[in-house]
Amino acid sequence: MDTEETLRKLTIRDDDYVASILSHDRESIAASTLEPKTHALVRIGALVTIDAAPASYLATIEAALRYGVTQHEIVGVLIAVMPSIGSARVVSAAPKLGLALGYDVNDALEQPSD
């Protein structure tokens, strides 16, 4: 499908097209024409942007790790989006993203330092 047809289908909210993209990561990745790793990083950036709930990060982070995204790259998304969305969103997202990676940032902050 070419760029113009994709934009047209999204503009008119073509239900069949939208349903196919939402049904499986495989369909979404193919339709996006992005590499799976890039696709996963973009999705993480979107979660940060919308101030998603902590649970929303879990499946997305798991998929990203399966596609070869490193934890360092995942955290790098916070840095990459900060100029566009502001520090408040990034500060809100950091502990949520940390939990999805298995690191409780808030708990670590409460521990006494040596």
PDB file of N, CA and C in Angstrom:
ATOM      1  N   MET A   1       0.850  -1.171   0.000  1.00  0.00           N
ATOM      2  CA  MET A   1       0.000   0.000   0.000  1.00  0.00           C
ATOM      3  C   MET A   1       0.898   1.237   0.000  1.00  0.00           C
ATOM      4  N   ASP A   2       0.537   2.224  -0.780  1.00  0.00           N
ATOM      5  CA  ASP A   2       1.371   3.425  -0.842  1.00  0.00           C
ATOM      6  C   ASP A   2       0.995   4.424   0.252  1.00  0.00           C
ATOM      7  N   THR A   3       1.815   5.441   0.393  1.00  0.00           N
ATOM      8  CA  THR A   3       1.643   6.443   1.442  1.00  0.00           C
ATOM      9  C   THR A   3       0.294   7.142   1.363  1.00  0.00           C
ATOM     10  N   GLU A   4      -0.104   7.535   0.175  1.00  0.00           N
ATOM     11  CA  GLU A   4      -1.360   8.267   0.014  1.00  0.00           C
ATOM     12  C   GLU A   4      -2.561   7.393   0.395  1.00  0.00           C
ATOM     13  N   GLU A   5      -2.524   6.131   0.000  1.00  0.00           N
ATOM     14  CA  GLU A   5      -3.637   5.235   0.346  1.00  0.00           C
ATOM     15  C   GLU A   5      -3.695   4.999   1.850  1.00  0.00           C
ATOM     16  N   THR A   6      -2.545   4.846   2.473  1.00  0.00           N
ATOM     17  CA  THR A   6      -2.507   4.677   3.929  1.00  0.00           C
ATOM     18  C   THR A   6      -3.097   5.895   4.622  1.00  0.00           C
ATOM     19  N   LEU A   7      -2.681   7.085   4.216  1.00  0.00           N
ATOM     20  CA  LEU A   7      -3.209   8.317   4.815  1.00  0.00           C
ATOM     21  C   LEU A   7      -4.723   8.431   4.603  1.00  0.00           C
ATOM     22  N   ARG A   8      -5.185   8.052   3.422  1.00  0.00           N
ATOM     23  CA  ARG A   8      -6.621   8.108   3.139  1.00  0.00           C
ATOM     24  C   ARG A   8      -7.381   7.157   4.056  1.00  0.00           C
ATOM     25  N   LYS A   9      -6.884   5.931   4.198  1.00  0.00           N
ATOM     26  CA  LYS A   9      -7.570   4.948   5.043  1.00  0.00           C
ATOM     27  C   LYS A   9      -7.605   5.390   6.507  1.00  0.00           C
ATOM     28  N   LEU A  10      -6.517   6.004   6.962  1.00  0.00           N
ATOM     29  CA  LEU A  10      -6.491   6.497   8.338  1.00  0.00           C
ATOM     30  C   LEU A  10      -7.404   7.704   8.507  1.00  0.00           C
ATOM     31  N   THR A  11      -7.431   8.583   7.507  1.00  0.00           N
ATOM     32  CA  THR A  11      -8.264   9.783   7.574  1.00  0.00           C
ATOM     33  C   THR A  11      -9.745   9.451   7.657  1.00  0.00           C
ATOM     34  N   ILE A  12     -10.164   8.456   6.892  1.00  0.00           N
ATOM     35  CA  ILE A  12     -11.588   8.094   6.905  1.00  0.00           C
ATOM     36  C   ILE A  12     -11.907   7.024   7.953  1.00  0.00           C
ATOM     37  N   ARG A  13     -10.890   6.652   8.709  1.00  0.00           N
ATOM     38  CA  ARG A  13     -11.001   5.585   9.715  1.00  0.00           C
ATOM     39  C   ARG A  13     -11.615   4.331   9.103  1.00  0.00           C
ATOM     40  N   ASP A  14     -10.948   3.822   8.102  1.00  0.00           N
ATOM     41  CA  ASP A  14     -11.355   2.581   7.441  1.00  0.00           C
ATOM     42  C   ASP A  14     -11.336   1.475   8.497  1.00  0.00           C
ATOM     43  N   ASP A  15     -12.517   1.046   8.914  1.00  0.00           N
ATOM     44  CA  ASP A  15     -12.635   0.100  10.032  1.00  0.00           C
ATOM     45  C   ASP A  15     -11.872  -1.203   9.806  1.00  0.00           C
ATOM     46  N   ASP A  16     -11.909  -1.744   8.607  1.00  0.00           N
ATOM     47  CA  ASP A  16     -11.191  -2.990   8.335  1.00  0.00           C
ATOM     48  C   ASP A  16      -9.680  -2.789   8.451  1.00  0.00           C
ATOM     49  N   TYR A  17      -9.210  -1.679   7.911  1.00  0.00           N
ATOM     50  CA  TYR A  17      -7.777  -1.383   7.963  1.00  0.00           C
ATOM     51  C   TYR A  17      -7.339  -1.167   9.414  1.00  0.00           C
ATOM     52  N   VAL A  18      -8.067  -0.365  10.147  1.00  0.00           N
ATOM     53  CA  VAL A  18      -7.728  -0.090  11.545  1.00  0.00           C
ATOM     54  C   VAL A  18      -7.770  -1.372  12.367  1.00  0.00           C
ATOM     55  N   ALA A  19      -8.791  -2.182  12.174  1.00  0.00           N
ATOM     56  CA  ALA A  19      -8.903  -3.448  12.910  1.00  0.00           C
ATOM     57  C   ALA A  19      -7.723  -4.367  12.622  1.00  0.00           C
ATOM     58  N   SER A  20      -7.281  -4.403  11.368  1.00  0.00           N
ATOM     59  CA  SER A  20      -6.149  -5.274  11.028  1.00  0.00           C
ATOM     60  C   SER A  20      -4.872  -4.807  11.712  1.00  0.00           C
ATOM     61  N   ILE A  21      -4.691  -3.500  11.798  1.00  0.00           N
ATOM     62  CA  ILE A  21      -3.495  -2.959  12.451  1.00  0.00           C
ATOM     63  C   ILE A  21      -3.534  -3.208  13.957  1.00  0.00           C
ATOM     64  N   LEU A  22      -4.704  -3.078  14.550  1.00  0.00           N
ATOM     65  CA  LEU A  22      -4.831  -3.239  15.989  1.00  0.00           C
ATOM     66  C   LEU A  22      -4.859  -4.699  16.434  1.00  0.00           C
ATOM     67  N   SER A  23      -5.078  -5.623  15.499  1.00  0.00           N
ATOM     68  CA  SER A  23      -5.265  -7.023  15.881  1.00  0.00           C
ATOM     69  C   SER A  23      -3.978  -7.709  16.324  1.00  0.00           C
ATOM     70  N   HIS A  24      -2.869  -7.398  15.704  1.00  0.00           N
ATOM     71  CA  HIS A  24      -1.603  -8.074  16.023  1.00  0.00           C
ATOM     72  C   HIS A  24      -0.434  -7.132  15.786  1.00  0.00           C
ATOM     73  N   ASP A  25       0.600  -7.270  16.602  1.00  0.00           N
ATOM     74  CA  ASP A  25       1.825  -6.497  16.376  1.00  0.00           C
ATOM     75  C   ASP A  25       2.357  -6.722  14.970  1.00  0.00           C
ATOM     76  N   ARG A  26       2.285  -7.957  14.525  1.00  0.00           N
ATOM     77  CA  ARG A  26       2.801  -8.323  13.202  1.00  0.00           C
ATOM     78  C   ARG A  26       2.171  -7.457  12.115  1.00  0.00           C
ATOM     79  N   GLU A  27       0.853  -7.276  12.200  1.00  0.00           N
ATOM     80  CA  GLU A  27       0.137  -6.453  11.215  1.00  0.00           C
ATOM     81  C   GLU A  27       0.532  -4.980  11.333  1.00  0.00           C
ATOM     82  N   SER A  28       0.646  -4.516  12.554  1.00  0.00           N
ATOM     83  CA  SER A  28       1.003  -3.125  12.789  1.00  0.00           C
ATOM     84  C   SER A  28       2.416  -2.830  12.287  1.00  0.00           C
ATOM     85  N   ILE A  29       3.340  -3.729  12.562  1.00  0.00           N
ATOM     86  CA  ILE A  29       4.723  -3.541  12.110  1.00  0.00           C
ATOM     87  C   ILE A  29       4.780  -3.535  10.585  1.00  0.00           C
ATOM     88  N   ALA A  30       4.094  -4.476   9.969  1.00  0.00           N
ATOM     89  CA  ALA A  30       4.097  -4.550   8.503  1.00  0.00           C
ATOM     90  C   ALA A  30       3.499  -3.282   7.893  1.00  0.00           C
ATOM     91  N   ALA A  31       2.387  -2.826   8.431  1.00  0.00           N
ATOM     92  CA  ALA A  31       1.726  -1.636   7.898  1.00  0.00           C
ATOM     93  C   ALA A  31       2.574  -0.377   8.104  1.00  0.00           C
ATOM     94  N   SER A  32       3.313  -0.334   9.201  1.00  0.00           N
ATOM     95  CA  SER A  32       4.130   0.851   9.489  1.00  0.00           C
ATOM     96  C   SER A  32       5.363   0.930   8.594  1.00  0.00           C
ATOM     97  N   THR A  33       5.808  -0.179   8.097  1.00  0.00           N
ATOM     98  CA  THR A  33       7.047  -0.330   7.322  1.00  0.00           C
ATOM     99  C   THR A  33       8.296   0.022   8.132  1.00  0.00           C
ATOM    100  N   LEU A  34       8.154   0.082   9.440  1.00  0.00           N
ATOM    101  CA  LEU A  34       9.296   0.308  10.318  1.00  0.00           C
ATOM    102  C   LEU A  34       9.901  -1.038  10.709  1.00  0.00           C
ATOM    103  N   GLU A  35      11.168  -1.019  11.040  1.00  0.00           N
ATOM    104  CA  GLU A  35      11.786  -2.212  11.608  1.00  0.00           C
ATOM    105  C   GLU A  35      11.130  -2.475  12.960  1.00  0.00           C
ATOM    106  N   PRO A  36      10.995  -3.742  13.376  1.00  0.00           N
ATOM    107  CA  PRO A  36      10.344  -4.048  14.652  1.00  0.00           C
ATOM    108  C   PRO A  36      10.937  -3.291  15.845  1.00  0.00           C
ATOM    109  N   LYS A  37      12.243  -3.134  15.874  1.00  0.00           N
ATOM    110  CA  LYS A  37      12.894  -2.426  16.975  1.00  0.00           C
ATOM    111  C   LYS A  37      12.470  -0.955  16.999  1.00  0.00           C
ATOM    112  N   THR A  38      12.477  -0.315  15.851  1.00  0.00           N
ATOM    113  CA  THR A  38      12.060   1.081  15.747  1.00  0.00           C
ATOM    114  C   THR A  38      10.590   1.225  16.107  1.00  0.00           C
ATOM    115  N   HIS A  39       9.778   0.310  15.625  1.00  0.00           N
ATOM    116  CA  HIS A  39       8.337   0.300  15.916  1.00  0.00           C
ATOM    117  C   HIS A  39       8.112   0.266  17.430  1.00  0.00           C
ATOM    118  N   ALA A  40       8.836  -0.601  18.110  1.00  0.00           N
ATOM    119  CA  ALA A  40       8.693  -0.731  19.569  1.00  0.00           C
ATOM    120  C   ALA A  40       9.102   0.550  20.281  1.00  0.00           C
ATOM    121  N   LEU A  41      10.187   1.175  19.840  1.00  0.00           N
ATOM    122  CA  LEU A  41      10.631   2.418  20.470  1.00  0.00           C
ATOM    123  C   LEU A  41       9.628   3.548  20.272  1.00  0.00           C
ATOM    124  N   VAL A  42       9.038   3.615  19.094  1.00  0.00           N
ATOM    125  CA  VAL A  42       8.021   4.637  18.826  1.00  0.00           C
ATOM    126  C   VAL A  42       6.820   4.421  19.743  1.00  0.00           C
ATOM    127  N   ARG A  43       6.414   3.170  19.925  1.00  0.00           N
ATOM    128  CA  ARG A  43       5.276   2.889  20.799  1.00  0.00           C
ATOM    129  C   ARG A  43       5.565   3.286  22.242  1.00  0.00           C
ATOM    130  N   ILE A  44       6.781   3.059  22.695  1.00  0.00           N
ATOM    131  CA  ILE A  44       7.150   3.491  24.051  1.00  0.00           C
ATOM    132  C   ILE A  44       7.067   5.015  24.142  1.00  0.00           C
ATOM    133  N   GLY A  45       7.564   5.703  23.130  1.00  0.00           N
ATOM    134  CA  GLY A  45       7.476   7.168  23.107  1.00  0.00           C
ATOM    135  C   GLY A  45       6.041   7.648  23.175  1.00  0.00           C
ATOM    136  N   ALA A  46       5.145   6.943  22.501  1.00  0.00           N
ATOM    137  CA  ALA A  46       3.729   7.319  22.533  1.00  0.00           C
ATOM    138  C   ALA A  46       3.155   7.151  23.932  1.00  0.00           C
ATOM    139  N   LEU A  47       3.541   6.081  24.625  1.00  0.00           N
ATOM    140  CA  LEU A  47       3.045   5.879  25.994  1.00  0.00           C
ATOM    141  C   LEU A  47       3.519   6.995  26.909  1.00  0.00           C
ATOM    142  N   VAL A  48       4.768   7.386  26.760  1.00  0.00           N
ATOM    143  CA  VAL A  48       5.307   8.487  27.569  1.00  0.00           C
ATOM    144  C   VAL A  48       4.519   9.760  27.278  1.00  0.00           C
ATOM    145  N   THR A  49       4.255  10.012  26.020  1.00  0.00           N
ATOM    146  CA  THR A  49       3.568  11.234  25.600  1.00  0.00           C
ATOM    147  C   THR A  49       2.167  11.344  26.171  1.00  0.00           C
ATOM    148  N   ILE A  50       1.442  10.221  26.237  1.00  0.00           N
ATOM    149  CA  ILE A  50       0.062  10.268  26.738  1.00  0.00           C
ATOM    150  C   ILE A  50      -0.037  10.053  28.238  1.00  0.00           C
ATOM    151  N   ASP A  51       1.120   9.954  28.907  1.00  0.00           N
ATOM    152  CA  ASP A  51       1.159   9.722  30.357  1.00  0.00           C
ATOM    153  C   ASP A  51       0.370   8.453  30.711  1.00  0.00           C
ATOM    154  N   ALA A  52       0.712   7.379  30.025  1.00  0.00           N
ATOM    155  CA  ALA A  52       0.008   6.103  30.186  1.00  0.00           C
ATOM    156  C   ALA A  52       0.165   5.546  31.599  1.00  0.00           C
ATOM    157  N   ALA A  53      -0.775   4.700  31.952  1.00  0.00           N
ATOM    158  CA  ALA A  53      -0.742   4.016  33.248  1.00  0.00           C
ATOM    159  C   ALA A  53       0.405   3.001  33.262  1.00  0.00           C
ATOM    160  N   PRO A  54       0.925   2.685  34.446  1.00  0.00           N
ATOM    161  CA  PRO A  54       2.042   1.739  34.536  1.00  0.00           C
ATOM    162  C   PRO A  54       1.779   0.409  33.822  1.00  0.00           C
ATOM    163  N   ALA A  55       0.592  -0.105  33.929  1.00  0.00           N
ATOM    164  CA  ALA A  55       0.281  -1.394  33.297  1.00  0.00           C
ATOM    165  C   ALA A  55       0.414  -1.338  31.776  1.00  0.00           C
ATOM    166  N   SER A  56       0.209  -0.180  31.206  1.00  0.00           N
ATOM    167  CA  SER A  56       0.303  -0.041  29.755  1.00  0.00           C
ATOM    168  C   SER A  56       1.720  -0.268  29.244  1.00  0.00           C
ATOM    169  N   TYR A  57       2.693  -0.021  30.089  1.00  0.00           N
ATOM    170  CA  TYR A  57       4.078  -0.184  29.679  1.00  0.00           C
ATOM    171  C   TYR A  57       4.501  -1.649  29.602  1.00  0.00           C
ATOM    172  N   LEU A  58       3.901  -2.513  30.401  1.00  0.00           N
ATOM    173  CA  LEU A  58       4.398  -3.882  30.516  1.00  0.00           C
ATOM    174  C   LEU A  58       4.475  -4.624  29.193  1.00  0.00           C
ATOM    175  N   ALA A  59       3.366  -4.744  28.483  1.00  0.00           N
ATOM    176  CA  ALA A  59       3.355  -5.496  27.222  1.00  0.00           C
ATOM    177  C   ALA A  59       4.230  -4.835  26.176  1.00  0.00           C
ATOM    178  N   THR A  60       4.233  -3.522  26.152  1.00  0.00           N
ATOM    179  CA  THR A  60       5.035  -2.794  25.163  1.00  0.00           C
ATOM    180  C   THR A  60       6.525  -2.983  25.423  1.00  0.00           C
ATOM    181  N   ILE A  61       6.923  -2.930  26.681  1.00  0.00           N
ATOM    182  CA  ILE A  61       8.330  -3.147  27.040  1.00  0.00           C
ATOM    183  C   ILE A  61       8.735  -4.591  26.751  1.00  0.00           C
ATOM    184  N   GLU A  62       7.874  -5.545  27.083  1.00  0.00           N
ATOM    185  CA  GLU A  62       8.168  -6.950  26.790  1.00  0.00           C
ATOM    186  C   GLU A  62       8.383  -7.166  25.299  1.00  0.00           C
ATOM    187  N   ALA A  63       7.513  -6.581  24.475  1.00  0.00           N
ATOM    188  CA  ALA A  63       7.657  -6.706  23.021  1.00  0.00           C
ATOM    189  C   ALA A  63       8.961  -6.054  22.567  1.00  0.00           C
ATOM    190  N   ALA A  64       9.262  -4.890  23.092  1.00  0.00           N
ATOM    191  CA  ALA A  64      10.492  -4.192  22.707  1.00  0.00           C
ATOM    192  C   ALA A  64      11.718  -5.052  23.009  1.00  0.00           C
ATOM    193  N   LEU A  65      11.741  -5.648  24.176  1.00  0.00           N
ATOM    194  CA  LEU A  65      12.870  -6.499  24.549  1.00  0.00           C
ATOM    195  C   LEU A  65      12.975  -7.710  23.618  1.00  0.00           C
ATOM    196  N   ARG A  66      11.829  -8.271  23.227  1.00  0.00           N
ATOM    197  CA  ARG A  66      11.823  -9.397  22.272  1.00  0.00           C
ATOM    198  C   ARG A  66      12.388  -8.976  20.916  1.00  0.00           C
ATOM    199  N   TYR A  67      12.179  -7.740  20.531  1.00  0.00           N
ATOM    200  CA  TYR A  67      12.670  -7.241  19.246  1.00  0.00           C
ATOM    201  C   TYR A  67      14.107  -6.732  19.327  1.00  0.00           C
ATOM    202  N   GLY A  68      14.756  -6.938  20.454  1.00  0.00           N
ATOM    203  CA  GLY A  68      16.165  -6.590  20.575  1.00  0.00           C
ATOM    204  C   GLY A  68      16.463  -5.201  21.091  1.00  0.00           C
ATOM    205  N   VAL A  69      15.462  -4.512  21.571  1.00  0.00           N
ATOM    206  CA  VAL A  69      15.687  -3.183  22.153  1.00  0.00           C
ATOM    207  C   VAL A  69      16.351  -3.377  23.515  1.00  0.00           C
ATOM    208  N   THR A  70      17.373  -2.611  23.786  1.00  0.00           N
ATOM    209  CA  THR A  70      18.060  -2.708  25.077  1.00  0.00           C
ATOM    210  C   THR A  70      17.370  -1.807  26.108  1.00  0.00           C
ATOM    211  N   GLN A  71      17.626  -2.094  27.368  1.00  0.00           N
ATOM    212  CA  GLN A  71      17.091  -1.231  28.420  1.00  0.00           C
ATOM    213  C   GLN A  71      17.642   0.183  28.273  1.00  0.00           C
ATOM    214  N   HIS A  72      18.878   0.300  27.877  1.00  0.00           N
ATOM    215  CA  HIS A  72      19.493   1.616  27.677  1.00  0.00           C
ATOM    216  C   HIS A  72      18.742   2.398  26.589  1.00  0.00           C
ATOM    217  N   GLU A  73      18.368   1.730  25.506  1.00  0.00           N
ATOM    218  CA  GLU A  73      17.620   2.389  24.428  1.00  0.00           C
ATOM    219  C   GLU A  73      16.222   2.777  24.898  1.00  0.00           C
ATOM    220  N   ILE A  74      15.611   1.922  25.717  1.00  0.00           N
ATOM    221  CA  ILE A  74      14.276   2.227  26.234  1.00  0.00           C
ATOM    222  C   ILE A  74      14.327   3.493  27.084  1.00  0.00           C
ATOM    223  N   VAL A  75      15.300   3.587  27.956  1.00  0.00           N
ATOM    224  CA  VAL A  75      15.460   4.797  28.772  1.00  0.00           C
ATOM    225  C   VAL A  75      15.824   5.982  27.881  1.00  0.00           C
ATOM    226  N   GLY A  76      16.550   5.735  26.822  1.00  0.00           N
ATOM    227  CA  GLY A  76      16.905   6.790  25.870  1.00  0.00           C
ATOM    228  C   GLY A  76      15.693   7.443  25.237  1.00  0.00           C
ATOM    229  N   VAL A  77      14.603   6.706  25.146  1.00  0.00           N
ATOM    230  CA  VAL A  77      13.356   7.282  24.613  1.00  0.00           C
ATOM    231  C   VAL A  77      12.924   8.467  25.470  1.00  0.00           C
ATOM    232  N   LEU A  78      13.091   8.370  26.782  1.00  0.00           N
ATOM    233  CA  LEU A  78      12.722   9.482  27.669  1.00  0.00           C
ATOM    234  C   LEU A  78      13.498  10.741  27.301  1.00  0.00           C
ATOM    235  N   ILE A  79      14.777  10.572  27.043  1.00  0.00           N
ATOM    236  CA  ILE A  79      15.616  11.712  26.681  1.00  0.00           C
ATOM    237  C   ILE A  79      15.197  12.265  25.316  1.00  0.00           C
ATOM    238  N   ALA A  80      14.913  11.359  24.376  1.00  0.00           N
ATOM    239  CA  ALA A  80      14.570  11.781  23.015  1.00  0.00           C
ATOM    240  C   ALA A  80      13.270  12.575  22.950  1.00  0.00           C
ATOM    241  N   VAL A  81      12.282  12.197  23.760  1.00  0.00           N
ATOM    242  CA  VAL A  81      10.985  12.872  23.677  1.00  0.00           C
ATOM    243  C   VAL A  81      10.893  14.114  24.558  1.00  0.00           C
ATOM    244  N   MET A  82      11.813  14.277  25.500  1.00  0.00           N
ATOM    245  CA  MET A  82      11.708  15.396  26.442  1.00  0.00           C
ATOM    246  C   MET A  82      11.627  16.771  25.781  1.00  0.00           C
ATOM    247  N   PRO A  83      12.429  17.080  24.757  1.00  0.00           N
ATOM    248  CA  PRO A  83      12.301  18.406  24.147  1.00  0.00           C
ATOM    249  C   PRO A  83      10.925  18.654  23.513  1.00  0.00           C
ATOM    250  N   SER A  84      10.274  17.594  23.080  1.00  0.00           N
ATOM    251  CA  SER A  84       8.970  17.748  22.424  1.00  0.00           C
ATOM    252  C   SER A  84       7.806  17.777  23.402  1.00  0.00           C
ATOM    253  N   ILE A  85       7.910  17.017  24.486  1.00  0.00           N
ATOM    254  CA  ILE A  85       6.755  16.892  25.390  1.00  0.00           C
ATOM    255  C   ILE A  85       6.954  17.541  26.747  1.00  0.00           C
ATOM    256  N   GLY A  86       8.168  17.899  27.068  1.00  0.00           N
ATOM    257  CA  GLY A  86       8.446  18.566  28.335  1.00  0.00           C
ATOM    258  C   GLY A  86       8.905  17.613  29.420  1.00  0.00           C
ATOM    259  N   SER A  87       9.561  18.179  30.389  1.00  0.00           N
ATOM    260  CA  SER A  87      10.135  17.362  31.462  1.00  0.00           C
ATOM    261  C   SER A  87       9.081  16.783  32.392  1.00  0.00           C
ATOM    262  N   ALA A  88       7.947  17.455  32.564  1.00  0.00           N
ATOM    263  CA  ALA A  88       6.919  16.952  33.487  1.00  0.00           C
ATOM    264  C   ALA A  88       6.420  15.568  33.067  1.00  0.00           C
ATOM    265  N   ARG A  89       6.189  15.379  31.775  1.00  0.00           N
ATOM    266  CA  ARG A  89       5.728  14.072  31.282  1.00  0.00           C
ATOM    267  C   ARG A  89       6.809  13.011  31.468  1.00  0.00           C
ATOM    268  N   VAL A  90       8.050  13.388  31.225  1.00  0.00           N
ATOM    269  CA  VAL A  90       9.149  12.443  31.363  1.00  0.00           C
ATOM    270  C   VAL A  90       9.334  12.058  32.824  1.00  0.00           C
ATOM    271  N   VAL A  91       9.260  13.024  33.719  1.00  0.00           N
ATOM    272  CA  VAL A  91       9.378  12.745  35.153  1.00  0.00           C
ATOM    273  C   VAL A  91       8.251  11.810  35.600  1.00  0.00           C
ATOM    274  N   SER A  92       7.057  12.008  35.071  1.00  0.00           N
ATOM    275  CA  SER A  92       5.932  11.132  35.392  1.00  0.00           C
ATOM    276  C   SER A  92       6.135   9.726  34.839  1.00  0.00           C
ATOM    277  N   ALA A  93       6.718   9.632  33.655  1.00  0.00           N
ATOM    278  CA  ALA A  93       6.886   8.337  32.992  1.00  0.00           C
ATOM    279  C   ALA A  93       8.049   7.521  33.540  1.00  0.00           C
ATOM    280  N   ALA A  94       9.090   8.170  34.023  1.00  0.00           N
ATOM    281  CA  ALA A  94      10.313   7.457  34.422  1.00  0.00           C
ATOM    282  C   ALA A  94      10.054   6.330  35.429  1.00  0.00           C
ATOM    283  N   PRO A  95       9.337   6.555  36.519  1.00  0.00           N
ATOM    284  CA  PRO A  95       9.130   5.440  37.443  1.00  0.00           C
ATOM    285  C   PRO A  95       8.228   4.342  36.868  1.00  0.00           C
ATOM    286  N   LYS A  96       7.296   4.699  36.006  1.00  0.00           N
ATOM    287  CA  LYS A  96       6.428   3.702  35.371  1.00  0.00           C
ATOM    288  C   LYS A  96       7.232   2.821  34.430  1.00  0.00           C
ATOM    289  N   LEU A  97       8.085   3.459  33.653  1.00  0.00           N
ATOM    290  CA  LEU A  97       8.944   2.717  32.750  1.00  0.00           C
ATOM    291  C   LEU A  97       9.914   1.858  33.549  1.00  0.00           C
ATOM    292  N   GLY A  98      10.425   2.397  34.639  1.00  0.00           N
ATOM    293  CA  GLY A  98      11.316   1.637  35.514  1.00  0.00           C
ATOM    294  C   GLY A  98      10.658   0.372  36.034  1.00  0.00           C
ATOM    295  N   LEU A  99       9.417   0.487  36.495  1.00  0.00           N
ATOM    296  CA  LEU A  99       8.694  -0.698  36.976  1.00  0.00           C
ATOM    297  C   LEU A  99       8.545  -1.744  35.884  1.00  0.00           C
ATOM    298  N   ALA A 100       8.261  -1.321  34.670  1.00  0.00           N
ATOM    299  CA  ALA A 100       8.117  -2.259  33.554  1.00  0.00           C
ATOM    300  C   ALA A 100       9.439  -2.959  33.252  1.00  0.00           C
ATOM    301  N   LEU A 101      10.545  -2.311  33.591  1.00  0.00           N
ATOM    302  CA  LEU A 101      11.865  -2.907  33.403  1.00  0.00           C
ATOM    303  C   LEU A 101      12.323  -3.682  34.631  1.00  0.00           C
ATOM    304  N   GLY A 102      11.494  -3.706  35.671  1.00  0.00           N
ATOM    305  CA  GLY A 102      11.839  -4.448  36.878  1.00  0.00           C
ATOM    306  C   GLY A 102      12.629  -3.653  37.893  1.00  0.00           C
ATOM    307  N   TYR A 103      12.602  -2.339  37.779  1.00  0.00           N
ATOM    308  CA  TYR A 103      13.342  -1.474  38.690  1.00  0.00           C
ATOM    309  C   TYR A 103      12.386  -0.487  39.323  1.00  0.00           C
ATOM    310  N   ASP A 104      12.256  -0.527  40.631  1.00  0.00           N
ATOM    311  CA  ASP A 104      11.358   0.369  41.363  1.00  0.00           C
ATOM    312  C   ASP A 104      12.127   1.634  41.740  1.00  0.00           C
ATOM    313  N   VAL A 105      12.024   2.636  40.898  1.00  0.00           N
ATOM    314  CA  VAL A 105      12.753   3.889  41.105  1.00  0.00           C
ATOM    315  C   VAL A 105      12.354   4.542  42.419  1.00  0.00           C
ATOM    316  N   ASN A 106      11.065   4.580  42.704  1.00  0.00           N
ATOM    317  CA  ASN A 106      10.605   5.228  43.934  1.00  0.00           C
ATOM    318  C   ASN A 106      11.144   4.524  45.168  1.00  0.00           C
ATOM    319  N   ASP A 107      11.175   3.196  45.146  1.00  0.00           N
ATOM    320  CA  ASP A 107      11.725   2.446  46.271  1.00  0.00           C
ATOM    321  C   ASP A 107      13.211   2.742  46.433  1.00  0.00           C
ATOM    322  N   ALA A 108      13.919   2.813  45.337  1.00  0.00           N
ATOM    323  CA  ALA A 108      15.358   3.108  45.387  1.00  0.00           C
ATOM    324  C   ALA A 108      15.617   4.492  45.961  1.00  0.00           C
ATOM    325  N   LEU A 109      14.735   5.444  45.654  1.00  0.00           N
ATOM    326  CA  LEU A 109      14.909   6.798  46.178  1.00  0.00           C
ATOM    327  C   LEU A 109      14.681   6.866  47.685  1.00  0.00           C
ATOM    328  N   GLU A 110      13.870   5.951  48.206  1.00  0.00           N
ATOM    329  CA  GLU A 110      13.572   5.928  49.642  1.00  0.00           C
ATOM    330  C   GLU A 110      14.645   5.233  50.464  1.00  0.00           C
ATOM    331  N   GLN A 111      15.542   4.482  49.816  1.00  0.00           N
ATOM    332  CA  GLN A 111      16.602   3.772  50.527  1.00  0.00           C
ATOM    333  C   GLN A 111      17.650   4.770  51.002  1.00  0.00           C
ATOM    334  N   PRO A 112      18.142   4.562  52.226  1.00  0.00           N
ATOM    335  CA  PRO A 112      19.202   5.464  52.710  1.00  0.00           C
ATOM    336  C   PRO A 112      20.463   5.293  51.869  1.00  0.00           C
ATOM    337  N   SER A 113      21.125   6.397  51.614  1.00  0.00           N
ATOM    338  CA  SER A 113      22.363   6.334  50.851  1.00  0.00           C
ATOM    339  C   SER A 113      23.519   6.067  51.808  1.00  0.00           C
ATOM    340  N   ASP A 114      24.564   5.450  51.289  1.00  0.00           N
ATOM    341  CA  ASP A 114      25.735   5.123  52.127  1.00  0.00           C
ATOM    342  C   ASP A 114      26.647   6.291  52.290  1.00  0.00           C
TER     343      ASP A 114
END
